[in-house]
C-alpha atoms as a PDB file:
ATOM      1  CA  UNK A   1     -43.885 -32.931  -6.703  1.00  0.00           C
ATOM      2  CA  UNK A   2     -41.482 -32.202  -4.065  1.00  0.00           C
ATOM      3  CA  UNK A   3     -43.654 -33.096  -1.127  1.00  0.00           C
ATOM      4  CA  UNK A   4     -42.648 -31.457   1.925  1.00  0.00           C
ATOM      5  CA  UNK A   5     -38.974 -30.226   1.017  1.00  0.00           C
ATOM      6  CA  UNK A   6     -38.180 -26.765   1.783  1.00  0.00           C
ATOM      7  CA  UNK A   7     -38.223 -24.686  -1.597  1.00  0.00           C
ATOM      8  CA  UNK A   8     -37.408 -20.885  -1.745  1.00  0.00           C
ATOM      9  CA  UNK A   9     -37.870 -19.101  -4.795  1.00  0.00           C
ATOM     10  CA  UNK A  10     -35.775 -15.694  -4.583  1.00  0.00           C
ATOM     11  CA  UNK A  11     -36.847 -12.860  -6.625  1.00  0.00           C
ATOM     12  CA  UNK A  12     -35.494  -9.664  -7.326  1.00  0.00           C
ATOM     13  CA  UNK A  13     -37.267  -6.179  -6.853  1.00  0.00           C
ATOM     14  CA  UNK A  14     -35.403  -3.692  -7.989  1.00  0.00           C
ATOM     15  CA  UNK A  15     -35.911   0.262  -6.885  1.00  0.00           C
ATOM     16  CA  UNK A  16     -37.141   1.173 -10.645  1.00  0.00           C
ATOM     17  CA  UNK A  17     -39.322   4.589 -10.455  1.00  0.00           C
ATOM     18  CA  UNK A  18     -41.440   5.888 -13.185  1.00  0.00           C
ATOM     19  CA  UNK A  19     -44.588   4.433 -14.452  1.00  0.00           C
ATOM     20  CA  UNK A  20     -43.970   1.113 -16.070  1.00  0.00           C
ATOM     21  CA  UNK A  21     -45.585   0.559 -19.849  1.00  0.00           C
ATOM     22  CA  UNK A  22     -47.992  -1.995 -20.554  1.00  0.00           C
ATOM     23  CA  UNK A  23     -45.739  -4.069 -21.817  1.00  0.00           C
ATOM     24  CA  UNK A  24     -43.674  -3.506 -18.740  1.00  0.00           C
ATOM     25  CA  UNK A  25     -46.680  -4.522 -16.254  1.00  0.00           C
ATOM     26  CA  UNK A  26     -47.947  -7.267 -18.175  1.00  0.00           C
ATOM     27  CA  UNK A  27     -44.138  -8.677 -18.011  1.00  0.00           C
ATOM     28  CA  UNK A  28     -44.335  -7.917 -14.514  1.00  0.00           C
ATOM     29  CA  UNK A  29     -47.311 -10.078 -13.743  1.00  0.00           C
ATOM     30  CA  UNK A  30     -46.561 -12.882 -15.770  1.00  0.00           C
ATOM     31  CA  UNK A  31     -43.196 -13.095 -14.321  1.00  0.00           C
ATOM     32  CA  UNK A  32     -44.416 -12.830 -10.410  1.00  0.00           C
ATOM     33  CA  UNK A  33     -47.189 -15.556 -11.624  1.00  0.00           C
ATOM     34  CA  UNK A  34     -44.613 -17.910 -12.992  1.00  0.00           C
ATOM     35  CA  UNK A  35     -42.173 -17.503  -9.888  1.00  0.00           C
ATOM     36  CA  UNK A  36     -45.159 -18.064  -7.679  1.00  0.00           C
ATOM     37  CA  UNK A  37     -45.512 -21.548  -9.992  1.00  0.00           C
ATOM     38  CA  UNK A  38     -42.155 -22.553  -9.177  1.00  0.00           C
ATOM     39  CA  UNK A  39     -42.278 -22.396  -5.851  1.00  0.00           C
ATOM     40  CA  UNK A  40     -45.355 -24.489  -5.829  1.00  0.00           C
ATOM     41  CA  UNK A  41     -43.941 -28.109  -6.191  1.00  0.00           C
ATOM     42  CA  UNK A  42     -43.524 -28.160  -2.792  1.00  0.00           C
ATOM     43  CA  UNK A  43     -45.981 -28.177   0.280  1.00  0.00           C
ATOM     44  CA  UNK A  44     -43.280 -25.678   1.804  1.00  0.00           C
ATOM     45  CA  UNK A  45     -42.484 -23.485  -1.004  1.00  0.00           C
ATOM     46  CA  UNK A  46     -42.571 -20.056  -0.821  1.00  0.00           C
ATOM     47  CA  UNK A  47     -41.492 -16.932  -2.968  1.00  0.00           C
ATOM     48  CA  UNK A  48     -39.054 -13.970  -1.027  1.00  0.00           C
ATOM     49  CA  UNK A  49     -38.977 -10.407  -2.842  1.00  0.00           C
ATOM     50  CA  UNK A  50     -35.477  -9.235  -2.129  1.00  0.00           C
ATOM     51  CA  UNK A  51     -36.053  -5.214  -2.124  1.00  0.00           C
ATOM     52  CA  UNK A  52     -33.733  -3.051  -3.460  1.00  0.00           C
ATOM     53  CA  UNK A  53     -32.001  -5.819  -5.649  1.00  0.00           C
ATOM     54  CA  UNK A  54     -31.159  -6.309  -9.367  1.00  0.00           C
ATOM     55  CA  UNK A  55     -30.355  -9.959 -10.781  1.00  0.00           C
ATOM     56  CA  UNK A  56     -27.538 -10.465  -8.507  1.00  0.00           C
ATOM     57  CA  UNK A  57     -29.454 -10.983  -5.576  1.00  0.00           C
ATOM     58  CA  UNK A  58     -26.817 -12.612  -3.745  1.00  0.00           C
ATOM     59  CA  UNK A  59     -24.564  -9.721  -4.534  1.00  0.00           C
ATOM     60  CA  UNK A  60     -27.130  -6.713  -3.836  1.00  0.00           C
ATOM     61  CA  UNK A  61     -28.616  -8.698  -1.026  1.00  0.00           C
ATOM     62  CA  UNK A  62     -26.658 -11.337   0.786  1.00  0.00           C
ATOM     63  CA  UNK A  63     -28.873 -11.069   3.476  1.00  0.00           C
ATOM     64  CA  UNK A  64     -31.986 -12.070   2.160  1.00  0.00           C
ATOM     65  CA  UNK A  65     -29.844 -15.397   0.563  1.00  0.00           C
ATOM     66  CA  UNK A  66     -28.889 -15.813   4.002  1.00  0.00           C
ATOM     67  CA  UNK A  67     -32.346 -15.539   6.092  1.00  0.00           C
END
């Protein structure tokens, strides 16, 4: 329990195009749930999606990290 400590979980959202396989869809659903849970220990926790980003969000979207 982190109380009301600020906690932000920043998650990539790539520009992948085309349909996802059923395995990829299941992975995305599970990953999303896990990332939302990661923000849960704080009453001020939240998840932010970094559009047009890969794994290195700080390089691809430094504006999201700064905000």
